[in-house]
Amino acid sequence: MTEQRSALLAPEPVTPFSDLISLLWREWPQCPPYGGAFAEVVPHVTVAMPGGDSPREAVAALGARLPIRTRAERAELWQRDDAGVWRTAEAFPFAGGEPCA
């Protein structure tokens, strides 16, 4: 068994993000989130990655910065290239947001 080296933070309120995931999934059923590996997709932000701090250290490092308050302005579609590097393929601004470059 490998050690989990990431910590997840859930947005509050979660409903707008869950609704967005459901909407996108209904619009493009041939492209389920995470390739359909999960029956339920939980909106989250990953705060540590493999090889980095432990989840406890990552959350402790954020300390007084939690909760993070921000505004989601766009959704991004990411694709992994042949070299395994993830890149933004497309950006979709939310209503009232500025166009994405």
PDB file of N, CA and C in Angstrom:
ATOM      1  N   MET A   1       0.848  -1.188   0.000  1.00  0.00           N
ATOM      2  CA  MET A   1       0.000   0.000   0.000  1.00  0.00           C
ATOM      3  C   MET A   1       0.888   1.245   0.000  1.00  0.00           C
ATOM      4  N   THR A   2       0.613   2.179  -0.906  1.00  0.00           N
ATOM      5  CA  THR A   2       1.392   3.411  -0.958  1.00  0.00           C
ATOM      6  C   THR A   2       0.764   4.475  -0.083  1.00  0.00           C
ATOM      7  N   GLU A   3       1.614   5.324   0.450  1.00  0.00           N
ATOM      8  CA  GLU A   3       1.138   6.417   1.302  1.00  0.00           C
ATOM      9  C   GLU A   3       0.523   7.510   0.444  1.00  0.00           C
ATOM     10  N   GLN A   4      -0.633   7.998   0.868  1.00  0.00           N
ATOM     11  CA  GLN A   4      -1.250   9.119   0.157  1.00  0.00           C
ATOM     12  C   GLN A   4      -0.468  10.371   0.485  1.00  0.00           C
ATOM     13  N   ARG A   5       0.004  11.076  -0.553  1.00  0.00           N
ATOM     14  CA  ARG A   5       0.829  12.264  -0.365  1.00  0.00           C
ATOM     15  C   ARG A   5       0.110  13.514  -0.830  1.00  0.00           C
ATOM     16  N   SER A   6      -1.204  13.561  -0.679  1.00  0.00           N
ATOM     17  CA  SER A   6      -1.938  14.767  -1.044  1.00  0.00           C
ATOM     18  C   SER A   6      -3.039  15.017  -0.032  1.00  0.00           C
ATOM     19  N   ALA A   7      -3.409  16.266   0.093  1.00  0.00           N
ATOM     20  CA  ALA A   7      -4.519  16.663   0.954  1.00  0.00           C
ATOM     21  C   ALA A   7      -5.524  17.386   0.062  1.00  0.00           C
ATOM     22  N   LEU A   8      -6.789  17.162   0.326  1.00  0.00           N
ATOM     23  CA  LEU A   8      -7.840  17.773  -0.477  1.00  0.00           C
ATOM     24  C   LEU A   8      -8.626  18.766   0.355  1.00  0.00           C
ATOM     25  N   LEU A   9      -8.930  19.905  -0.237  1.00  0.00           N
ATOM     26  CA  LEU A   9      -9.784  20.907   0.400  1.00  0.00           C
ATOM     27  C   LEU A   9     -11.049  21.022  -0.443  1.00  0.00           C
ATOM     28  N   ALA A  10     -12.189  20.989   0.222  1.00  0.00           N
ATOM     29  CA  ALA A  10     -13.478  21.078  -0.473  1.00  0.00           C
ATOM     30  C   ALA A  10     -13.967  22.526  -0.467  1.00  0.00           C
ATOM     31  N   PRO A  11     -14.559  22.967  -1.579  1.00  0.00           N
ATOM     32  CA  PRO A  11     -15.108  24.332  -1.607  1.00  0.00           C
ATOM     33  C   PRO A  11     -16.382  24.404  -0.779  1.00  0.00           C
ATOM     34  N   GLU A  12     -16.650  25.575  -0.251  1.00  0.00           N
ATOM     35  CA  GLU A  12     -17.901  25.829   0.476  1.00  0.00           C
ATOM     36  C   GLU A  12     -18.468  27.134  -0.051  1.00  0.00           C
ATOM     37  N   PRO A  13     -19.662  27.115  -0.555  1.00  0.00           N
ATOM     38  CA  PRO A  13     -20.551  25.963  -0.676  1.00  0.00           C
ATOM     39  C   PRO A  13     -20.109  25.069  -1.840  1.00  0.00           C
ATOM     40  N   VAL A  14     -20.366  23.796  -1.725  1.00  0.00           N
ATOM     41  CA  VAL A  14     -19.951  22.822  -2.729  1.00  0.00           C
ATOM     42  C   VAL A  14     -20.952  22.717  -3.878  1.00  0.00           C
ATOM     43  N   THR A  15     -22.210  23.070  -3.628  1.00  0.00           N
ATOM     44  CA  THR A  15     -23.283  22.869  -4.609  1.00  0.00           C
ATOM     45  C   THR A  15     -23.003  23.491  -5.983  1.00  0.00           C
ATOM     46  N   PRO A  16     -22.534  24.737  -6.099  1.00  0.00           N
ATOM     47  CA  PRO A  16     -22.289  25.275  -7.446  1.00  0.00           C
ATOM     48  C   PRO A  16     -21.276  24.448  -8.237  1.00  0.00           C
ATOM     49  N   PHE A  17     -20.282  23.914  -7.565  1.00  0.00           N
ATOM     50  CA  PHE A  17     -19.265  23.115  -8.243  1.00  0.00           C
ATOM     51  C   PHE A  17     -19.803  21.738  -8.608  1.00  0.00           C
ATOM     52  N   SER A  18     -20.564  21.118  -7.723  1.00  0.00           N
ATOM     53  CA  SER A  18     -21.201  19.831  -8.026  1.00  0.00           C
ATOM     54  C   SER A  18     -22.184  19.989  -9.186  1.00  0.00           C
ATOM     55  N   ASP A  19     -22.941  21.082  -9.173  1.00  0.00           N
ATOM     56  CA  ASP A  19     -23.892  21.344 -10.255  1.00  0.00           C
ATOM     57  C   ASP A  19     -23.164  21.520 -11.588  1.00  0.00           C
ATOM     58  N   LEU A  20     -22.037  22.214 -11.582  1.00  0.00           N
ATOM     59  CA  LEU A  20     -21.265  22.428 -12.797  1.00  0.00           C
ATOM     60  C   LEU A  20     -20.738  21.099 -13.340  1.00  0.00           C
ATOM     61  N   ILE A  21     -20.220  20.259 -12.468  1.00  0.00           N
ATOM     62  CA  ILE A  21     -19.726  18.942 -12.892  1.00  0.00           C
ATOM     63  C   ILE A  21     -20.860  18.134 -13.510  1.00  0.00           C
ATOM     64  N   SER A  22     -22.025  18.134 -12.871  1.00  0.00           N
ATOM     65  CA  SER A  22     -23.186  17.392 -13.394  1.00  0.00           C
ATOM     66  C   SER A  22     -23.620  17.932 -14.756  1.00  0.00           C
ATOM     67  N   LEU A  23     -23.639  19.248 -14.887  1.00  0.00           N
ATOM     68  CA  LEU A  23     -24.022  19.871 -16.157  1.00  0.00           C
ATOM     69  C   LEU A  23     -23.067  19.462 -17.275  1.00  0.00           C
ATOM     70  N   LEU A  24     -21.783  19.538 -17.011  1.00  0.00           N
ATOM     71  CA  LEU A  24     -20.795  19.169 -18.023  1.00  0.00           C
ATOM     72  C   LEU A  24     -20.882  17.691 -18.382  1.00  0.00           C
ATOM     73  N   TRP A  25     -21.119  16.863 -17.378  1.00  0.00           N
ATOM     74  CA  TRP A  25     -21.221  15.423 -17.603  1.00  0.00           C
ATOM     75  C   TRP A  25     -22.451  15.099 -18.460  1.00  0.00           C
ATOM     76  N   ARG A  26     -23.564  15.791 -18.191  1.00  0.00           N
ATOM     77  CA  ARG A  26     -24.777  15.588 -19.000  1.00  0.00           C
ATOM     78  C   ARG A  26     -24.561  16.066 -20.441  1.00  0.00           C
ATOM     79  N   GLU A  27     -23.855  17.174 -20.599  1.00  0.00           N
ATOM     80  CA  GLU A  27     -23.618  17.739 -21.928  1.00  0.00           C
ATOM     81  C   GLU A  27     -22.689  16.853 -22.757  1.00  0.00           C
ATOM     82  N   TRP A  28     -21.684  16.274 -22.115  1.00  0.00           N
ATOM     83  CA  TRP A  28     -20.719  15.418 -22.798  1.00  0.00           C
ATOM     84  C   TRP A  28     -20.601  14.078 -22.068  1.00  0.00           C
ATOM     85  N   PRO A  29     -21.623  13.228 -22.166  1.00  0.00           N
ATOM     86  CA  PRO A  29     -21.606  11.951 -21.444  1.00  0.00           C
ATOM     87  C   PRO A  29     -20.486  11.017 -21.899  1.00  0.00           C
ATOM     88  N   GLN A  30     -19.969  11.228 -23.095  1.00  0.00           N
ATOM     89  CA  GLN A  30     -18.872  10.404 -23.585  1.00  0.00           C
ATOM     90  C   GLN A  30     -17.545  10.756 -22.922  1.00  0.00           C
ATOM     91  N   CYS A  31     -17.534  11.840 -22.129  1.00  0.00           N
ATOM     92  CA  CYS A  31     -16.309  12.300 -21.459  1.00  0.00           C
ATOM     93  C   CYS A  31     -16.558  12.448 -19.954  1.00  0.00           C
ATOM     94  N   PRO A  32     -16.805  11.351 -19.256  1.00  0.00           N
ATOM     95  CA  PRO A  32     -17.079  11.475 -17.822  1.00  0.00           C
ATOM     96  C   PRO A  32     -15.840  11.942 -17.051  1.00  0.00           C
ATOM     97  N   PRO A  33     -16.051  12.663 -15.954  1.00  0.00           N
ATOM     98  CA  PRO A  33     -14.907  13.094 -15.137  1.00  0.00           C
ATOM     99  C   PRO A  33     -14.062  11.892 -14.722  1.00  0.00           C
ATOM    100  N   TYR A  34     -12.759  12.060 -14.767  1.00  0.00           N
ATOM    101  CA  TYR A  34     -11.801  11.016 -14.376  1.00  0.00           C
ATOM    102  C   TYR A  34     -12.024   9.725 -15.159  1.00  0.00           C
ATOM    103  N   GLY A  35     -12.513   9.862 -16.393  1.00  0.00           N
ATOM    104  CA  GLY A  35     -12.716   8.701 -17.241  1.00  0.00           C
ATOM    105  C   GLY A  35     -13.764   7.739 -16.728  1.00  0.00           C
ATOM    106  N   GLY A  36     -14.642   8.217 -15.823  1.00  0.00           N
ATOM    107  CA  GLY A  36     -15.694   7.361 -15.280  1.00  0.00           C
ATOM    108  C   GLY A  36     -15.237   6.465 -14.145  1.00  0.00           C
ATOM    109  N   ALA A  37     -14.043   6.707 -13.612  1.00  0.00           N
ATOM    110  CA  ALA A  37     -13.497   5.860 -12.542  1.00  0.00           C
ATOM    111  C   ALA A  37     -14.258   5.990 -11.226  1.00  0.00           C
ATOM    112  N   PHE A  38     -15.002   7.080 -11.058  1.00  0.00           N
ATOM    113  CA  PHE A  38     -15.706   7.325  -9.802  1.00  0.00           C
ATOM    114  C   PHE A  38     -17.184   7.577 -10.076  1.00  0.00           C
ATOM    115  N   ALA A  39     -18.048   6.932  -9.309  1.00  0.00           N
ATOM    116  CA  ALA A  39     -19.487   7.134  -9.448  1.00  0.00           C
ATOM    117  C   ALA A  39     -19.880   8.539  -9.005  1.00  0.00           C
ATOM    118  N   GLU A  40     -19.194   9.047  -8.011  1.00  0.00           N
ATOM    119  CA  GLU A  40     -19.447  10.399  -7.496  1.00  0.00           C
ATOM    120  C   GLU A  40     -18.152  11.191  -7.556  1.00  0.00           C
ATOM    121  N   VAL A  41     -18.208  12.364  -8.138  1.00  0.00           N
ATOM    122  CA  VAL A  41     -17.040  13.235  -8.222  1.00  0.00           C
ATOM    123  C   VAL A  41     -17.171  14.307  -7.156  1.00  0.00           C
ATOM    124  N   VAL A  42     -16.159  14.428  -6.328  1.00  0.00           N
ATOM    125  CA  VAL A  42     -16.166  15.396  -5.233  1.00  0.00           C
ATOM    126  C   VAL A  42     -15.304  16.588  -5.625  1.00  0.00           C
ATOM    127  N   PRO A  43     -15.908  17.783  -5.768  1.00  0.00           N
ATOM    128  CA  PRO A  43     -15.112  18.973  -6.086  1.00  0.00           C
ATOM    129  C   PRO A  43     -14.082  19.216  -4.989  1.00  0.00           C
ATOM    130  N   HIS A  44     -12.857  19.569  -5.410  1.00  0.00           N
ATOM    131  CA  HIS A  44     -11.796  19.766  -4.421  1.00  0.00           C
ATOM    132  C   HIS A  44     -10.616  20.512  -5.042  1.00  0.00           C
ATOM    133  N   VAL A  45      -9.712  20.934  -4.172  1.00  0.00           N
ATOM    134  CA  VAL A  45      -8.422  21.489  -4.557  1.00  0.00           C
ATOM    135  C   VAL A  45      -7.374  20.594  -3.909  1.00  0.00           C
ATOM    136  N   THR A  46      -6.393  20.150  -4.686  1.00  0.00           N
ATOM    137  CA  THR A  46      -5.299  19.352  -4.146  1.00  0.00           C
ATOM    138  C   THR A  46      -4.227  20.303  -3.649  1.00  0.00           C
ATOM    139  N   VAL A  47      -3.785  20.131  -2.400  1.00  0.00           N
ATOM    140  CA  VAL A  47      -2.807  21.060  -1.826  1.00  0.00           C
ATOM    141  C   VAL A  47      -1.426  20.460  -1.650  1.00  0.00           C
ATOM    142  N   ALA A  48      -1.225  19.212  -2.019  1.00  0.00           N
ATOM    143  CA  ALA A  48       0.100  18.597  -1.983  1.00  0.00           C
ATOM    144  C   ALA A  48       0.141  17.509  -3.042  1.00  0.00           C
ATOM    145  N   MET A  49       1.315  17.263  -3.561  1.00  0.00           N
ATOM    146  CA  MET A  49       1.457  16.259  -4.606  1.00  0.00           C
ATOM    147  C   MET A  49       2.491  15.219  -4.180  1.00  0.00           C
ATOM    148  N   PRO A  50       2.522  14.065  -4.885  1.00  0.00           N
ATOM    149  CA  PRO A  50       3.505  13.022  -4.557  1.00  0.00           C
ATOM    150  C   PRO A  50       4.923  13.577  -4.522  1.00  0.00           C
ATOM    151  N   GLY A  51       5.693  13.145  -3.528  1.00  0.00           N
ATOM    152  CA  GLY A  51       7.068  13.603  -3.391  1.00  0.00           C
ATOM    153  C   GLY A  51       7.197  14.899  -2.619  1.00  0.00           C
ATOM    154  N   GLY A  52       6.081  15.530  -2.302  1.00  0.00           N
ATOM    155  CA  GLY A  52       6.114  16.789  -1.563  1.00  0.00           C
ATOM    156  C   GLY A  52       5.867  16.564  -0.084  1.00  0.00           C
ATOM    157  N   ASP A  53       5.341  17.579   0.559  1.00  0.00           N
ATOM    158  CA  ASP A  53       5.026  17.489   1.977  1.00  0.00           C
ATOM    159  C   ASP A  53       3.961  16.429   2.215  1.00  0.00           C
ATOM    160  N   SER A  54       3.901  15.935   3.461  1.00  0.00           N
ATOM    161  CA  SER A  54       2.813  15.029   3.813  1.00  0.00           C
ATOM    162  C   SER A  54       1.529  15.843   3.853  1.00  0.00           C
ATOM    163  N   PRO A  55       0.357  15.184   3.758  1.00  0.00           N
ATOM    164  CA  PRO A  55      -0.898  15.937   3.832  1.00  0.00           C
ATOM    165  C   PRO A  55      -0.983  16.799   5.088  1.00  0.00           C
ATOM    166  N   ARG A  56      -0.556  16.259   6.215  1.00  0.00           N
ATOM    167  CA  ARG A  56      -0.606  17.011   7.472  1.00  0.00           C
ATOM    168  C   ARG A  56       0.282  18.251   7.380  1.00  0.00           C
ATOM    169  N   GLU A  57       1.492  18.100   6.810  1.00  0.00           N
ATOM    170  CA  GLU A  57       2.408  19.235   6.668  1.00  0.00           C
ATOM    171  C   GLU A  57       1.856  20.280   5.700  1.00  0.00           C
ATOM    172  N   ALA A  58       1.232  19.813   4.638  1.00  0.00           N
ATOM    173  CA  ALA A  58       0.674  20.740   3.651  1.00  0.00           C
ATOM    174  C   ALA A  58      -0.431  21.584   4.260  1.00  0.00           C
ATOM    175  N   VAL A  59      -1.346  20.949   4.976  1.00  0.00           N
ATOM    176  CA  VAL A  59      -2.446  21.687   5.598  1.00  0.00           C
ATOM    177  C   VAL A  59      -1.909  22.593   6.698  1.00  0.00           C
ATOM    178  N   ALA A  60      -0.934  22.125   7.483  1.00  0.00           N
ATOM    179  CA  ALA A  60      -0.336  22.952   8.536  1.00  0.00           C
ATOM    180  C   ALA A  60       0.349  24.182   7.929  1.00  0.00           C
ATOM    181  N   ALA A  61       0.998  24.012   6.781  1.00  0.00           N
ATOM    182  CA  ALA A  61       1.677  25.129   6.131  1.00  0.00           C
ATOM    183  C   ALA A  61       0.690  26.202   5.695  1.00  0.00           C
ATOM    184  N   LEU A  62      -0.525  25.778   5.349  1.00  0.00           N
ATOM    185  CA  LEU A  62      -1.550  26.755   4.980  1.00  0.00           C
ATOM    186  C   LEU A  62      -2.051  27.509   6.201  1.00  0.00           C
ATOM    187  N   GLY A  63      -2.063  26.802   7.351  1.00  0.00           N
ATOM    188  CA  GLY A  63      -2.416  27.374   8.635  1.00  0.00           C
ATOM    189  C   GLY A  63      -3.450  28.473   8.614  1.00  0.00           C
ATOM    190  N   ALA A  64      -3.024  29.675   8.960  1.00  0.00           N
ATOM    191  CA  ALA A  64      -3.925  30.817   9.105  1.00  0.00           C
ATOM    192  C   ALA A  64      -4.519  31.266   7.769  1.00  0.00           C
ATOM    193  N   ARG A  65      -4.018  30.738   6.657  1.00  0.00           N
ATOM    194  CA  ARG A  65      -4.548  31.128   5.353  1.00  0.00           C
ATOM    195  C   ARG A  65      -5.875  30.443   5.044  1.00  0.00           C
ATOM    196  N   LEU A  66      -6.244  29.450   5.863  1.00  0.00           N
ATOM    197  CA  LEU A  66      -7.522  28.753   5.655  1.00  0.00           C
ATOM    198  C   LEU A  66      -8.609  29.437   6.457  1.00  0.00           C
ATOM    199  N   PRO A  67      -9.811  29.546   5.979  1.00  0.00           N
ATOM    200  CA  PRO A  67     -10.208  29.125   4.650  1.00  0.00           C
ATOM    201  C   PRO A  67      -9.715  30.105   3.590  1.00  0.00           C
ATOM    202  N   ILE A  68      -9.467  29.571   2.421  1.00  0.00           N
ATOM    203  CA  ILE A  68      -9.072  30.400   1.283  1.00  0.00           C
ATOM    204  C   ILE A  68     -10.350  30.962   0.667  1.00  0.00           C
ATOM    205  N   ARG A  69     -10.404  32.248   0.524  1.00  0.00           N
ATOM    206  CA  ARG A  69     -11.587  32.888  -0.066  1.00  0.00           C
ATOM    207  C   ARG A  69     -11.181  33.456  -1.419  1.00  0.00           C
ATOM    208  N   THR A  70     -11.877  32.992  -2.434  1.00  0.00           N
ATOM    209  CA  THR A  70     -11.586  33.455  -3.786  1.00  0.00           C
ATOM    210  C   THR A  70     -12.836  33.311  -4.643  1.00  0.00           C
ATOM    211  N   ARG A  71     -12.761  33.748  -5.845  1.00  0.00           N
ATOM    212  CA  ARG A  71     -13.884  33.669  -6.774  1.00  0.00           C
ATOM    213  C   ARG A  71     -13.457  32.834  -7.973  1.00  0.00           C
ATOM    214  N   ALA A  72     -14.237  31.836  -8.303  1.00  0.00           N
ATOM    215  CA  ALA A  72     -13.967  31.031  -9.498  1.00  0.00           C
ATOM    216  C   ALA A  72     -14.437  31.820 -10.705  1.00  0.00           C
ATOM    217  N   GLU A  73     -13.540  32.093 -11.629  1.00  0.00           N
ATOM    218  CA  GLU A  73     -13.852  32.906 -12.801  1.00  0.00           C
ATOM    219  C   GLU A  73     -13.966  32.100 -14.090  1.00  0.00           C
ATOM    220  N   ARG A  74     -13.428  30.877 -14.091  1.00  0.00           N
ATOM    221  CA  ARG A  74     -13.474  30.065 -15.305  1.00  0.00           C
ATOM    222  C   ARG A  74     -13.263  28.597 -14.963  1.00  0.00           C
ATOM    223  N   ALA A  75     -13.656  27.775 -15.901  1.00  0.00           N
ATOM    224  CA  ALA A  75     -13.343  26.344 -15.856  1.00  0.00           C
ATOM    225  C   ALA A  75     -12.295  26.108 -16.936  1.00  0.00           C
ATOM    226  N   GLU A  76     -11.390  25.188 -16.684  1.00  0.00           N
ATOM    227  CA  GLU A  76     -10.366  24.878 -17.666  1.00  0.00           C
ATOM    228  C   GLU A  76     -10.396  23.400 -18.017  1.00  0.00           C
ATOM    229  N   LEU A  77     -10.197  23.119 -19.294  1.00  0.00           N
ATOM    230  CA  LEU A  77     -10.054  21.758 -19.784  1.00  0.00           C
ATOM    231  C   LEU A  77      -8.566  21.508 -19.951  1.00  0.00           C
ATOM    232  N   TRP A  78      -8.051  20.505 -19.235  1.00  0.00           N
ATOM    233  CA  TRP A  78      -6.632  20.178 -19.298  1.00  0.00           C
ATOM    234  C   TRP A  78      -6.446  18.877 -20.052  1.00  0.00           C
ATOM    235  N   GLN A  79      -5.366  18.792 -20.814  1.00  0.00           N
ATOM    236  CA  GLN A  79      -5.014  17.576 -21.535  1.00  0.00           C
ATOM    237  C   GLN A  79      -3.562  17.230 -21.259  1.00  0.00           C
ATOM    238  N   ARG A  80      -3.301  15.925 -21.201  1.00  0.00           N
ATOM    239  CA  ARG A  80      -1.928  15.473 -21.021  1.00  0.00           C
ATOM    240  C   ARG A  80      -1.348  15.172 -22.403  1.00  0.00           C
ATOM    241  N   ASP A  81      -0.161  15.737 -22.683  1.00  0.00           N
ATOM    242  CA  ASP A  81       0.450  15.513 -23.984  1.00  0.00           C
ATOM    243  C   ASP A  81       1.212  14.185 -23.997  1.00  0.00           C
ATOM    244  N   ASP A  82       1.832  13.872 -25.122  1.00  0.00           N
ATOM    245  CA  ASP A  82       2.539  12.599 -25.278  1.00  0.00           C
ATOM    246  C   ASP A  82       3.693  12.437 -24.294  1.00  0.00           C
ATOM    247  N   ALA A  83       4.239  13.551 -23.796  1.00  0.00           N
ATOM    248  CA  ALA A  83       5.341  13.504 -22.828  1.00  0.00           C
ATOM    249  C   ALA A  83       4.826  13.396 -21.395  1.00  0.00           C
ATOM    250  N   GLY A  84       3.490  13.381 -21.217  1.00  0.00           N
ATOM    251  CA  GLY A  84       2.916  13.281 -19.878  1.00  0.00           C
ATOM    252  C   GLY A  84       2.756  14.608 -19.168  1.00  0.00           C
ATOM    253  N   VAL A  85       2.928  15.716 -19.888  1.00  0.00           N
ATOM    254  CA  VAL A  85       2.807  17.054 -19.303  1.00  0.00           C
ATOM    255  C   VAL A  85       1.373  17.542 -19.476  1.00  0.00           C
ATOM    256  N   TRP A  86       0.778  18.034 -18.390  1.00  0.00           N
ATOM    257  CA  TRP A  86      -0.592  18.560 -18.436  1.00  0.00           C
ATOM    258  C   TRP A  86      -0.565  20.016 -18.862  1.00  0.00           C
ATOM    259  N   ARG A  87      -1.445  20.367 -19.795  1.00  0.00           N
ATOM    260  CA  ARG A  87      -1.541  21.744 -20.297  1.00  0.00           C
ATOM    261  C   ARG A  87      -3.015  22.133 -20.444  1.00  0.00           C
ATOM    262  N   THR A  88      -3.280  23.431 -20.296  1.00  0.00           N
ATOM    263  CA  THR A  88      -4.635  23.929 -20.508  1.00  0.00           C
ATOM    264  C   THR A  88      -4.943  23.862 -21.996  1.00  0.00           C
ATOM    265  N   ALA A  89      -5.984  23.125 -22.354  1.00  0.00           N
ATOM    266  CA  ALA A  89      -6.392  23.011 -23.754  1.00  0.00           C
ATOM    267  C   ALA A  89      -7.417  24.075 -24.107  1.00  0.00           C
ATOM    268  N   GLU A  90      -8.249  24.436 -23.137  1.00  0.00           N
ATOM    269  CA  GLU A  90      -9.324  25.406 -23.376  1.00  0.00           C
ATOM    270  C   GLU A  90      -9.729  26.001 -22.033  1.00  0.00           C
ATOM    271  N   ALA A  91     -10.159  27.248 -22.043  1.00  0.00           N
ATOM    272  CA  ALA A  91     -10.644  27.910 -20.834  1.00  0.00           C
ATOM    273  C   ALA A  91     -12.033  28.477 -21.121  1.00  0.00           C
ATOM    274  N   PHE A  92     -12.928  28.317 -20.172  1.00  0.00           N
ATOM    275  CA  PHE A  92     -14.322  28.738 -20.337  1.00  0.00           C
ATOM    276  C   PHE A  92     -14.689  29.709 -19.214  1.00  0.00           C
ATOM    277  N   PRO A  93     -14.846  31.005 -19.524  1.00  0.00           N
ATOM    278  CA  PRO A  93     -15.187  31.975 -18.481  1.00  0.00           C
ATOM    279  C   PRO A  93     -16.617  31.752 -17.984  1.00  0.00           C
ATOM    280  N   PHE A  94     -16.819  31.974 -16.708  1.00  0.00           N
ATOM    281  CA  PHE A  94     -18.161  31.918 -16.134  1.00  0.00           C
ATOM    282  C   PHE A  94     -18.861  33.244 -16.430  1.00  0.00           C
ATOM    283  N   ALA A  95     -20.178  33.275 -16.320  1.00  0.00           N
ATOM    284  CA  ALA A  95     -20.959  34.474 -16.579  1.00  0.00           C
ATOM    285  C   ALA A  95     -20.406  35.652 -15.780  1.00  0.00           C
ATOM    286  N   GLY A  96     -20.245  36.758 -16.456  1.00  0.00           N
ATOM    287  CA  GLY A  96     -19.754  37.964 -15.791  1.00  0.00           C
ATOM    288  C   GLY A  96     -18.258  38.048 -15.729  1.00  0.00           C
ATOM    289  N   GLY A  97     -17.546  36.983 -16.136  1.00  0.00           N
ATOM    290  CA  GLY A  97     -16.088  36.985 -16.090  1.00  0.00           C
ATOM    291  C   GLY A  97     -15.506  37.560 -17.370  1.00  0.00           C
ATOM    292  N   GLU A  98     -14.242  37.827 -17.327  1.00  0.00           N
ATOM    293  CA  GLU A  98     -13.540  38.323 -18.508  1.00  0.00           C
ATOM    294  C   GLU A  98     -13.198  37.153 -19.418  1.00  0.00           C
ATOM    295  N   PRO A  99     -13.080  37.380 -20.716  1.00  0.00           N
ATOM    296  CA  PRO A  99     -12.662  36.310 -21.624  1.00  0.00           C
ATOM    297  C   PRO A  99     -11.303  35.763 -21.219  1.00  0.00           C
ATOM    298  N   CYS A 100     -11.101  34.477 -21.423  1.00  0.00           N
ATOM    299  CA  CYS A 100      -9.839  33.830 -21.069  1.00  0.00           C
ATOM    300  C   CYS A 100      -8.877  33.901 -22.238  1.00  0.00           C
ATOM    301  N   ALA A 101      -7.624  34.084 -21.918  1.00  0.00           N
ATOM    302  CA  ALA A 101      -6.590  34.129 -22.961  1.00  0.00           C
ATOM    303  C   ALA A 101      -6.218  32.735 -23.403  1.00  0.00           C
TER     304      ALA A 101
END
